[in-house]
Amino acid sequence: MAEKDPYELLGVPRDASDERIRAAYELEINRATRDGAIRYAAELSAAYDTISSPQRRALYERHGFTAISQRSPGTAPPAGSWRSTQEHGPARRRKRRSGVRRFVLLIVVIGLVVAVFYAAQQAEGATVTAPTASVTSGPAVVQPAPDR
């Protein structure tokens, strides 16, 4: 995709001041969002980012879009926090494990609820019999305790 000239996109001359560039950007972005032109709004934002910074503007004036959009071969990677690069990989693994952890937590909670149910039944004095391991067995049967 060929990049459009940011000056033409924003409708400002090459010697425009920062205030004029900002005003043109705000005007065009309001028009784009009002019309629902998301792709055009993204192009406007990229154009504004290119010519709003004095360093990026000078780089664009000297070398064009290739200097801004691509790094030269052999240059250092872009500066970033070591935490963001270190946390990117483990976060993905944590997300996968969260389903297993939720399942295990669900099983533990169900076990605790059943244990509380049996304890409450035994505290009332009823005898609780567990179902057998057959396929046709029904739910646990609660029988009243014999009178003493």
C-alpha atoms as a PDB file:
ATOM      1  CA  MET A   1       0.000   0.000   0.000  1.00  0.00           C
ATOM      2  CA  ALA A   2       1.475   3.349  -1.032  1.00  0.00           C
ATOM      3  CA  GLU A   3       1.682   5.884   1.770  1.00  0.00           C
ATOM      4  CA  LYS A   4      -0.046   9.180   1.215  1.00  0.00           C
ATOM      5  CA  ASP A   5       1.695  12.477   1.800  1.00  0.00           C
ATOM      6  CA  PRO A   6       0.729  13.621   5.312  1.00  0.00           C
ATOM      7  CA  TYR A   7       0.688  17.265   4.266  1.00  0.00           C
ATOM      8  CA  GLU A   8      -1.823  16.568   1.502  1.00  0.00           C
ATOM      9  CA  LEU A   9      -3.869  14.316   3.750  1.00  0.00           C
ATOM     10  CA  LEU A  10      -4.194  16.996   6.409  1.00  0.00           C
ATOM     11  CA  GLY A  11      -4.454  19.805   3.852  1.00  0.00           C
ATOM     12  CA  VAL A  12      -1.609  21.929   5.221  1.00  0.00           C
ATOM     13  CA  PRO A  13       1.424  23.454   3.472  1.00  0.00           C
ATOM     14  CA  ARG A  14       4.903  22.080   4.174  1.00  0.00           C
ATOM     15  CA  ASP A  15       5.875  25.142   6.213  1.00  0.00           C
ATOM     16  CA  ALA A  16       2.771  25.006   8.446  1.00  0.00           C
ATOM     17  CA  SER A  17       3.146  25.716  12.144  1.00  0.00           C
ATOM     18  CA  ASP A  18       2.423  23.149  14.825  1.00  0.00           C
ATOM     19  CA  GLU A  19      -0.803  24.930  15.783  1.00  0.00           C
ATOM     20  CA  ARG A  20      -2.067  24.872  12.208  1.00  0.00           C
ATOM     21  CA  ILE A  21      -1.204  21.184  11.822  1.00  0.00           C
ATOM     22  CA  ARG A  22      -3.028  20.388  15.059  1.00  0.00           C
ATOM     23  CA  ALA A  23      -6.099  22.402  14.015  1.00  0.00           C
ATOM     24  CA  ALA A  24      -6.193  20.717  10.599  1.00  0.00           C
ATOM     25  CA  TYR A  25      -5.859  17.292  12.227  1.00  0.00           C
ATOM     26  CA  GLU A  26      -8.695  17.948  14.688  1.00  0.00           C
ATOM     27  CA  LEU A  27     -10.937  19.223  11.904  1.00  0.00           C
ATOM     28  CA  GLU A  28     -10.280  16.243   9.645  1.00  0.00           C
ATOM     29  CA  ILE A  29     -10.529  13.657  12.414  1.00  0.00           C
ATOM     30  CA  ASN A  30     -13.899  15.090  13.490  1.00  0.00           C
ATOM     31  CA  ARG A  31     -15.127  14.827   9.915  1.00  0.00           C
ATOM     32  CA  ALA A  32     -13.825  11.267   9.590  1.00  0.00           C
ATOM     33  CA  THR A  33     -15.395  10.013  12.822  1.00  0.00           C
ATOM     34  CA  ARG A  34     -18.654  11.744  12.041  1.00  0.00           C
ATOM     35  CA  ASP A  35     -18.793  10.000   8.675  1.00  0.00           C
ATOM     36  CA  GLY A  36     -17.715   6.660  10.163  1.00  0.00           C
ATOM     37  CA  ALA A  37     -14.572   6.432   8.031  1.00  0.00           C
ATOM     38  CA  ILE A  38     -12.384   4.428  10.381  1.00  0.00           C
ATOM     39  CA  ARG A  39      -9.667   3.646   7.853  1.00  0.00           C
ATOM     40  CA  TYR A  40      -9.424   7.318   6.846  1.00  0.00           C
ATOM     41  CA  ALA A  41      -9.213   8.315  10.514  1.00  0.00           C
ATOM     42  CA  ALA A  42      -6.335   5.868  10.974  1.00  0.00           C
ATOM     43  CA  GLU A  43      -4.524   7.407   7.986  1.00  0.00           C
ATOM     44  CA  LEU A  44      -5.082  10.871   9.474  1.00  0.00           C
ATOM     45  CA  SER A  45      -3.659   9.769  12.815  1.00  0.00           C
ATOM     46  CA  ALA A  46      -0.586   8.294  11.140  1.00  0.00           C
ATOM     47  CA  ALA A  47      -0.098  11.501   9.149  1.00  0.00           C
ATOM     48  CA  TYR A  48      -0.421  13.626  12.277  1.00  0.00           C
ATOM     49  CA  ASP A  49       2.030  11.415  14.163  1.00  0.00           C
ATOM     50  CA  THR A  50       4.499  11.793  11.322  1.00  0.00           C
ATOM     51  CA  ILE A  51       4.528  15.582  11.094  1.00  0.00           C
ATOM     52  CA  SER A  52       3.586  16.651  14.639  1.00  0.00           C
ATOM     53  CA  SER A  53       6.949  15.729  16.149  1.00  0.00           C
ATOM     54  CA  PRO A  54       9.847  17.939  14.985  1.00  0.00           C
ATOM     55  CA  GLN A  55      12.251  14.987  14.858  1.00  0.00           C
ATOM     56  CA  ARG A  56       9.904  12.756  12.879  1.00  0.00           C
ATOM     57  CA  ARG A  57       8.969  15.667  10.627  1.00  0.00           C
ATOM     58  CA  ALA A  58      12.650  16.349   9.805  1.00  0.00           C
ATOM     59  CA  LEU A  59      13.227  12.630   9.238  1.00  0.00           C
ATOM     60  CA  TYR A  60      10.233  12.482   6.875  1.00  0.00           C
ATOM     61  CA  GLU A  61      11.411  15.601   5.018  1.00  0.00           C
ATOM     62  CA  ARG A  62      14.869  14.093   4.511  1.00  0.00           C
ATOM     63  CA  HIS A  63      14.096  10.437   3.763  1.00  0.00           C
ATOM     64  CA  GLY A  64      10.345   9.952   3.289  1.00  0.00           C
ATOM     65  CA  PHE A  65       8.188   7.194   4.765  1.00  0.00           C
ATOM     66  CA  THR A  66      10.812   4.472   4.627  1.00  0.00           C
ATOM     67  CA  ALA A  67      12.784   6.166   7.395  1.00  0.00           C
ATOM     68  CA  ILE A  68       9.707   6.368   9.604  1.00  0.00           C
ATOM     69  CA  SER A  69       7.919   3.124   8.885  1.00  0.00           C
ATOM     70  CA  GLN A  70      10.914   0.779   8.672  1.00  0.00           C
ATOM     71  CA  ARG A  71      14.111   0.395  10.582  1.00  0.00           C
ATOM     72  CA  SER A  72      17.338   0.061   8.709  1.00  0.00           C
ATOM     73  CA  PRO A  73      18.877  -3.411   8.701  1.00  0.00           C
ATOM     74  CA  GLY A  74      21.396  -3.905  11.474  1.00  0.00           C
ATOM     75  CA  THR A  75      19.934  -1.317  13.815  1.00  0.00           C
ATOM     76  CA  ALA A  76      19.041  -2.054  17.389  1.00  0.00           C
ATOM     77  CA  PRO A  77      15.490  -3.133  18.204  1.00  0.00           C
ATOM     78  CA  PRO A  78      13.111  -0.406  19.303  1.00  0.00           C
ATOM     79  CA  ALA A  79      13.509   0.707  22.889  1.00  0.00           C
ATOM     80  CA  GLY A  80      11.078  -0.876  25.276  1.00  0.00           C
ATOM     81  CA  SER A  81      10.785  -1.982  28.824  1.00  0.00           C
ATOM     82  CA  TRP A  82      12.384  -5.330  29.585  1.00  0.00           C
ATOM     83  CA  ARG A  83       9.314  -6.130  31.657  1.00  0.00           C
ATOM     84  CA  SER A  84       6.979  -5.803  28.695  1.00  0.00           C
ATOM     85  CA  THR A  85       9.042  -8.253  26.657  1.00  0.00           C
ATOM     86  CA  GLN A  86       9.538 -10.629  29.573  1.00  0.00           C
ATOM     87  CA  GLU A  87       5.874 -10.626  30.589  1.00  0.00           C
ATOM     88  CA  HIS A  88       4.562 -11.169  27.073  1.00  0.00           C
ATOM     89  CA  GLY A  89       5.459 -14.872  26.914  1.00  0.00           C
ATOM     90  CA  PRO A  90       4.491 -16.014  30.433  1.00  0.00           C
ATOM     91  CA  ALA A  91       1.211 -14.118  30.275  1.00  0.00           C
ATOM     92  CA  ARG A  92       0.201 -16.250  27.322  1.00  0.00           C
ATOM     93  CA  ARG A  93       1.042 -19.420  29.274  1.00  0.00           C
ATOM     94  CA  ARG A  94      -0.838 -18.182  32.327  1.00  0.00           C
ATOM     95  CA  LYS A  95      -3.912 -17.630  30.213  1.00  0.00           C
ATOM     96  CA  ARG A  96      -3.836 -21.242  29.007  1.00  0.00           C
ATOM     97  CA  ARG A  97      -3.405 -22.588  32.528  1.00  0.00           C
ATOM     98  CA  SER A  98      -6.238 -20.528  33.941  1.00  0.00           C
ATOM     99  CA  GLY A  99      -8.827 -22.943  32.497  1.00  0.00           C
ATOM    100  CA  VAL A 100      -7.219 -25.872  34.288  1.00  0.00           C
ATOM    101  CA  ARG A 101      -6.994 -23.902  37.506  1.00  0.00           C
ATOM    102  CA  ARG A 102     -10.659 -22.974  37.309  1.00  0.00           C
ATOM    103  CA  PHE A 103     -11.617 -26.599  36.758  1.00  0.00           C
ATOM    104  CA  VAL A 104      -9.560 -27.758  39.747  1.00  0.00           C
ATOM    105  CA  LEU A 105     -11.032 -24.979  41.875  1.00  0.00           C
ATOM    106  CA  LEU A 106     -14.538 -26.029  40.831  1.00  0.00           C
ATOM    107  CA  ILE A 107     -13.862 -29.639  41.839  1.00  0.00           C
ATOM    108  CA  VAL A 108     -12.493 -28.529  45.223  1.00  0.00           C
ATOM    109  CA  VAL A 109     -15.509 -26.304  45.861  1.00  0.00           C
ATOM    110  CA  ILE A 110     -17.923 -29.096  44.945  1.00  0.00           C
ATOM    111  CA  GLY A 111     -16.047 -31.440  47.305  1.00  0.00           C
ATOM    112  CA  LEU A 112     -16.306 -28.919  50.127  1.00  0.00           C
ATOM    113  CA  VAL A 113     -20.035 -28.428  49.555  1.00  0.00           C
ATOM    114  CA  VAL A 114     -20.618 -32.186  49.629  1.00  0.00           C
ATOM    115  CA  ALA A 115     -18.540 -32.518  52.811  1.00  0.00           C
ATOM    116  CA  VAL A 116     -20.538 -29.763  54.517  1.00  0.00           C
ATOM    117  CA  PHE A 117     -23.786 -31.435  53.411  1.00  0.00           C
ATOM    118  CA  TYR A 118     -22.747 -34.794  54.883  1.00  0.00           C
ATOM    119  CA  ALA A 119     -21.548 -33.142  58.105  1.00  0.00           C
ATOM    120  CA  ALA A 120     -24.838 -31.281  58.474  1.00  0.00           C
ATOM    121  CA  GLN A 121     -26.823 -34.469  57.928  1.00  0.00           C
ATOM    122  CA  GLN A 122     -24.770 -36.358  60.485  1.00  0.00           C
ATOM    123  CA  ALA A 123     -25.107 -33.515  62.991  1.00  0.00           C
ATOM    124  CA  GLU A 124     -28.902 -33.812  62.722  1.00  0.00           C
ATOM    125  CA  GLY A 125     -28.619 -37.465  63.640  1.00  0.00           C
ATOM    126  CA  ALA A 126     -29.500 -38.971  60.259  1.00  0.00           C
ATOM    127  CA  THR A 127     -27.520 -41.780  58.695  1.00  0.00           C
ATOM    128  CA  VAL A 128     -26.109 -40.919  55.304  1.00  0.00           C
ATOM    129  CA  THR A 129     -25.380 -43.724  52.903  1.00  0.00           C
ATOM    130  CA  ALA A 130     -23.291 -43.048  49.847  1.00  0.00           C
ATOM    131  CA  PRO A 131     -24.504 -44.369  46.505  1.00  0.00           C
ATOM    132  CA  THR A 132     -22.873 -47.431  45.061  1.00  0.00           C
ATOM    133  CA  ALA A 133     -20.587 -47.211  42.052  1.00  0.00           C
ATOM    134  CA  SER A 134     -23.046 -48.793  39.632  1.00  0.00           C
ATOM    135  CA  VAL A 135     -24.432 -47.007  36.601  1.00  0.00           C
ATOM    136  CA  THR A 136     -28.051 -47.424  37.695  1.00  0.00           C
ATOM    137  CA  SER A 137     -27.576 -46.019  41.184  1.00  0.00           C
ATOM    138  CA  GLY A 138     -29.512 -42.959  42.207  1.00  0.00           C
ATOM    139  CA  PRO A 139     -28.653 -40.098  44.510  1.00  0.00           C
ATOM    140  CA  ALA A 140     -27.471 -40.534  48.074  1.00  0.00           C
ATOM    141  CA  VAL A 141     -30.205 -41.871  50.361  1.00  0.00           C
ATOM    142  CA  VAL A 142     -30.761 -40.126  53.682  1.00  0.00           C
ATOM    143  CA  GLN A 143     -32.430 -42.240  56.326  1.00  0.00           C
ATOM    144  CA  PRO A 144     -33.391 -41.062  59.794  1.00  0.00           C
ATOM    145  CA  ALA A 145     -31.302 -42.481  62.607  1.00  0.00           C
ATOM    146  CA  PRO A 146     -32.972 -45.089  64.789  1.00  0.00           C
ATOM    147  CA  ASP A 147     -34.292 -43.816  68.127  1.00  0.00           C
ATOM    148  CA  ARG A 148     -32.036 -44.610  71.016  1.00  0.00           C
END
